[in-house]
PDB file of N, CA and C in Angstrom:
ATOM      1  N   LEU A   1    -102.081 236.626-153.202  1.00  0.00           N
ATOM      2  CA  LEU A   1    -102.453 235.985-151.938  1.00  0.00           C
ATOM      3  C   LEU A   1    -101.968 236.793-150.738  1.00  0.00           C
ATOM      4  N   ILE A   2    -100.863 237.495-150.910  1.00  0.00           N
ATOM      5  CA  ILE A   2    -100.323 238.282-149.802  1.00  0.00           C
ATOM      6  C   ILE A   2    -100.654 239.751-150.037  1.00  0.00           C
ATOM      7  N   ASN A   3    -101.453 240.328-149.138  1.00  0.00           N
ATOM      8  CA  ASN A   3    -101.834 241.711-149.325  1.00  0.00           C
ATOM      9  C   ASN A   3    -100.798 242.647-148.721  1.00  0.00           C
ATOM     10  N   LYS A   4    -101.031 243.946-148.865  1.00  0.00           N
ATOM     11  CA  LYS A   4    -100.037 244.921-148.419  1.00  0.00           C
ATOM     12  C   LYS A   4     -99.824 244.863-146.917  1.00  0.00           C
ATOM     13  N   GLU A   5    -100.892 244.625-146.154  1.00  0.00           N
ATOM     14  CA  GLU A   5    -100.743 244.586-144.707  1.00  0.00           C
ATOM     15  C   GLU A   5     -99.942 243.369-144.272  1.00  0.00           C
ATOM     16  N   MET A   6    -100.135 242.248-144.972  1.00  0.00           N
ATOM     17  CA  MET A   6     -99.394 241.043-144.611  1.00  0.00           C
ATOM     18  C   MET A   6     -97.921 241.194-144.965  1.00  0.00           C
ATOM     19  N   LYS A   7     -97.629 241.956-146.018  1.00  0.00           N
ATOM     20  CA  LYS A   7     -96.236 242.139-146.417  1.00  0.00           C
ATOM     21  C   LYS A   7     -95.442 242.825-145.314  1.00  0.00           C
ATOM     22  N   LYS A   8     -96.114 243.684-144.548  1.00  0.00           N
ATOM     23  CA  LYS A   8     -95.416 244.410-143.489  1.00  0.00           C
ATOM     24  C   LYS A   8     -95.018 243.480-142.346  1.00  0.00           C
ATOM     25  N   GLU A   9     -95.809 242.426-142.125  1.00  0.00           N
ATOM     26  CA  GLU A   9     -95.578 241.567-140.968  1.00  0.00           C
ATOM     27  C   GLU A   9     -94.785 240.315-141.322  1.00  0.00           C
ATOM     28  N   ILE A  10     -94.971 239.801-142.528  1.00  0.00           N
ATOM     29  CA  ILE A  10     -94.327 238.534-142.894  1.00  0.00           C
ATOM     30  C   ILE A  10     -92.929 238.818-143.436  1.00  0.00           C
ATOM     31  N   GLN A  11     -91.972 238.117-142.874  1.00  0.00           N
ATOM     32  CA  GLN A  11     -90.588 238.235-143.322  1.00  0.00           C
ATOM     33  C   GLN A  11     -90.217 236.963-144.079  1.00  0.00           C
ATOM     34  N   PRO A  12     -89.244 237.073-144.986  1.00  0.00           N
ATOM     35  CA  PRO A  12     -88.801 235.864-145.690  1.00  0.00           C
ATOM     36  C   PRO A  12     -88.309 234.809-144.705  1.00  0.00           C
ATOM     37  N   GLY A  13     -88.651 233.564-144.973  1.00  0.00           N
ATOM     38  CA  GLY A  13     -88.270 232.489-144.076  1.00  0.00           C
ATOM     39  C   GLY A  13     -89.387 231.487-143.978  1.00  0.00           C
ATOM     40  N   THR A  14     -89.556 230.908-142.819  1.00  0.00           N
ATOM     41  CA  THR A  14     -90.570 229.886-142.621  1.00  0.00           C
ATOM     42  C   THR A  14     -91.628 230.391-141.646  1.00  0.00           C
ATOM     43  N   PHE A  15     -92.880 230.243-142.032  1.00  0.00           N
ATOM     44  CA  PHE A  15     -93.959 230.600-141.124  1.00  0.00           C
ATOM     45  C   PHE A  15     -95.073 229.582-141.273  1.00  0.00           C
ATOM     46  N   GLU A  16     -95.992 229.596-140.318  1.00  0.00           N
ATOM     47  CA  GLU A  16     -97.070 228.615-140.336  1.00  0.00           C
ATOM     48  C   GLU A  16     -98.304 229.203-141.003  1.00  0.00           C
ATOM     49  N   VAL A  17     -98.936 228.399-141.828  1.00  0.00           N
ATOM     50  CA  VAL A  17    -100.176 228.825-142.478  1.00  0.00           C
ATOM     51  C   VAL A  17    -101.233 227.764-142.218  1.00  0.00           C
ATOM     52  N   HIS A  18    -102.453 228.239-141.957  1.00  0.00           N
ATOM     53  CA  HIS A  18    -103.539 227.314-141.679  1.00  0.00           C
ATOM     54  C   HIS A  18    -104.382 227.142-142.946  1.00  0.00           C
ATOM     55  N   ILE A  19    -104.533 225.900-143.356  1.00  0.00           N
ATOM     56  CA  ILE A  19    -105.297 225.599-144.563  1.00  0.00           C
ATOM     57  C   ILE A  19    -106.539 224.816-144.169  1.00  0.00           C
ATOM     58  N   LYS A  20    -107.692 225.318-144.601  1.00  0.00           N
ATOM     59  CA  LYS A  20    -108.948 224.642-144.288  1.00  0.00           C
ATOM     60  C   LYS A  20    -109.277 223.663-145.410  1.00  0.00           C
ATOM     61  N   VAL A  21    -109.409 222.400-145.053  1.00  0.00           N
ATOM     62  CA  VAL A  21    -109.698 221.363-146.037  1.00  0.00           C
ATOM     63  C   VAL A  21    -110.990 220.646-145.659  1.00  0.00           C
ATOM     64  N   SER A  22    -111.628 220.090-146.661  1.00  0.00           N
ATOM     65  CA  SER A  22    -112.867 219.366-146.420  1.00  0.00           C
ATOM     66  C   SER A  22    -112.646 217.892-146.704  1.00  0.00           C
ATOM     67  N   ASP A  23    -112.905 217.068-145.702  1.00  0.00           N
ATOM     68  CA  ASP A  23    -112.783 215.625-145.872  1.00  0.00           C
ATOM     69  C   ASP A  23    -114.022 214.957-145.285  1.00  0.00           C
ATOM     70  N   ASN A  24    -114.779 214.288-146.128  1.00  0.00           N
ATOM     71  CA  ASN A  24    -116.027 213.647-145.694  1.00  0.00           C
ATOM     72  C   ASN A  24    -116.969 214.675-145.070  1.00  0.00           C
ATOM     73  N   ASN A  25    -117.059 215.844-145.710  1.00  0.00           N
ATOM     74  CA  ASN A  25    -117.931 216.928-145.263  1.00  0.00           C
ATOM     75  C   ASN A  25    -117.552 217.446-143.887  1.00  0.00           C
ATOM     76  N   GLN A  26    -116.300 217.218-143.482  1.00  0.00           N
ATOM     77  CA  GLN A  26    -115.833 217.740-142.200  1.00  0.00           C
ATOM     78  C   GLN A  26    -114.655 218.662-142.456  1.00  0.00           C
ATOM     79  N   ALA A  27    -114.706 219.834-141.861  1.00  0.00           N
ATOM     80  CA  ALA A  27    -113.640 220.809-142.059  1.00  0.00           C
ATOM     81  C   ALA A  27    -112.571 220.621-140.993  1.00  0.00           C
ATOM     82  N   GLU A  28    -111.349 220.583-141.446  1.00  0.00           N
ATOM     83  CA  GLU A  28    -110.235 220.445-140.514  1.00  0.00           C
ATOM     84  C   GLU A  28    -109.202 221.507-140.821  1.00  0.00           C
ATOM     85  N   PHE A  29    -108.489 221.908-139.799  1.00  0.00           N
ATOM     86  CA  PHE A  29    -107.428 222.869-139.987  1.00  0.00           C
ATOM     87  C   PHE A  29    -106.084 222.156-139.910  1.00  0.00           C
ATOM     88  N   ILE A  30    -105.327 222.269-140.979  1.00  0.00           N
ATOM     89  CA  ILE A  30    -104.021 221.629-141.037  1.00  0.00           C
ATOM     90  C   ILE A  30    -102.962 222.721-141.061  1.00  0.00           C
ATOM     91  N   THR A  31    -102.003 222.599-140.179  1.00  0.00           N
ATOM     92  CA  THR A  31    -100.924 223.574-140.122  1.00  0.00           C
ATOM     93  C   THR A  31     -99.751 223.069-140.940  1.00  0.00           C
ATOM     94  N   LYS A  32     -99.389 223.876-141.923  1.00  0.00           N
ATOM     95  CA  LYS A  32     -98.240 223.509-142.743  1.00  0.00           C
ATOM     96  C   LYS A  32     -97.216 224.624-142.673  1.00  0.00           C
ATOM     97  N   LYS A  33     -95.981 224.236-142.784  1.00  0.00           N
ATOM     98  CA  LYS A  33     -94.916 225.221-142.786  1.00  0.00           C
ATOM     99  C   LYS A  33     -94.634 225.608-144.230  1.00  0.00           C
ATOM    100  N   VAL A  34     -94.650 226.903-144.487  1.00  0.00           N
ATOM    101  CA  VAL A  34     -94.462 227.400-145.835  1.00  0.00           C
ATOM    102  C   VAL A  34     -93.237 228.282-145.867  1.00  0.00           C
ATOM    103  N   GLU A  35     -92.426 228.061-146.855  1.00  0.00           N
ATOM    104  CA  GLU A  35     -91.224 228.872-146.988  1.00  0.00           C
ATOM    105  C   GLU A  35     -91.547 230.086-147.841  1.00  0.00           C
ATOM    106  N   VAL A  36     -91.331 231.264-147.280  1.00  0.00           N
ATOM    107  CA  VAL A  36     -91.604 232.506-147.987  1.00  0.00           C
ATOM    108  C   VAL A  36     -90.312 233.007-148.610  1.00  0.00           C
ATOM    109  N   LYS A  37     -90.350 233.173-149.910  1.00  0.00           N
ATOM    110  CA  LYS A  37     -89.171 233.669-150.600  1.00  0.00           C
ATOM    111  C   LYS A  37     -89.331 235.156-150.877  1.00  0.00           C
ATOM    112  N   LYS A  38     -88.226 235.831-151.039  1.00  0.00           N
ATOM    113  CA  LYS A  38     -88.262 237.273-151.262  1.00  0.00           C
ATOM    114  C   LYS A  38     -89.044 237.612-152.524  1.00  0.00           C
ATOM    115  N   SER A  39     -89.045 236.712-153.499  1.00  0.00           N
ATOM    116  CA  SER A  39     -89.771 236.979-154.738  1.00  0.00           C
ATOM    117  C   SER A  39     -91.278 237.009-154.501  1.00  0.00           C
ATOM    118  N   MET A  40     -91.735 236.307-153.462  1.00  0.00           N
ATOM    119  CA  MET A  40     -93.159 236.294-153.145  1.00  0.00           C
ATOM    120  C   MET A  40     -93.589 237.588-152.475  1.00  0.00           C
ATOM    121  N   LEU A  41     -92.650 238.244-151.791  1.00  0.00           N
ATOM    122  CA  LEU A  41     -92.983 239.476-151.105  1.00  0.00           C
ATOM    123  C   LEU A  41     -92.905 240.642-152.063  1.00  0.00           C
TER     124      LEU A  41
END
């Protein structure tokens, strides 16, 4: 999910990710805080 270019910018910690979800055929953007661990990088 994290490509090489994103690895350069994202540091371990908390950052915001936008997730597109469909509810009743309507797309909404929900901002969730995701904790990035060093193992993910």
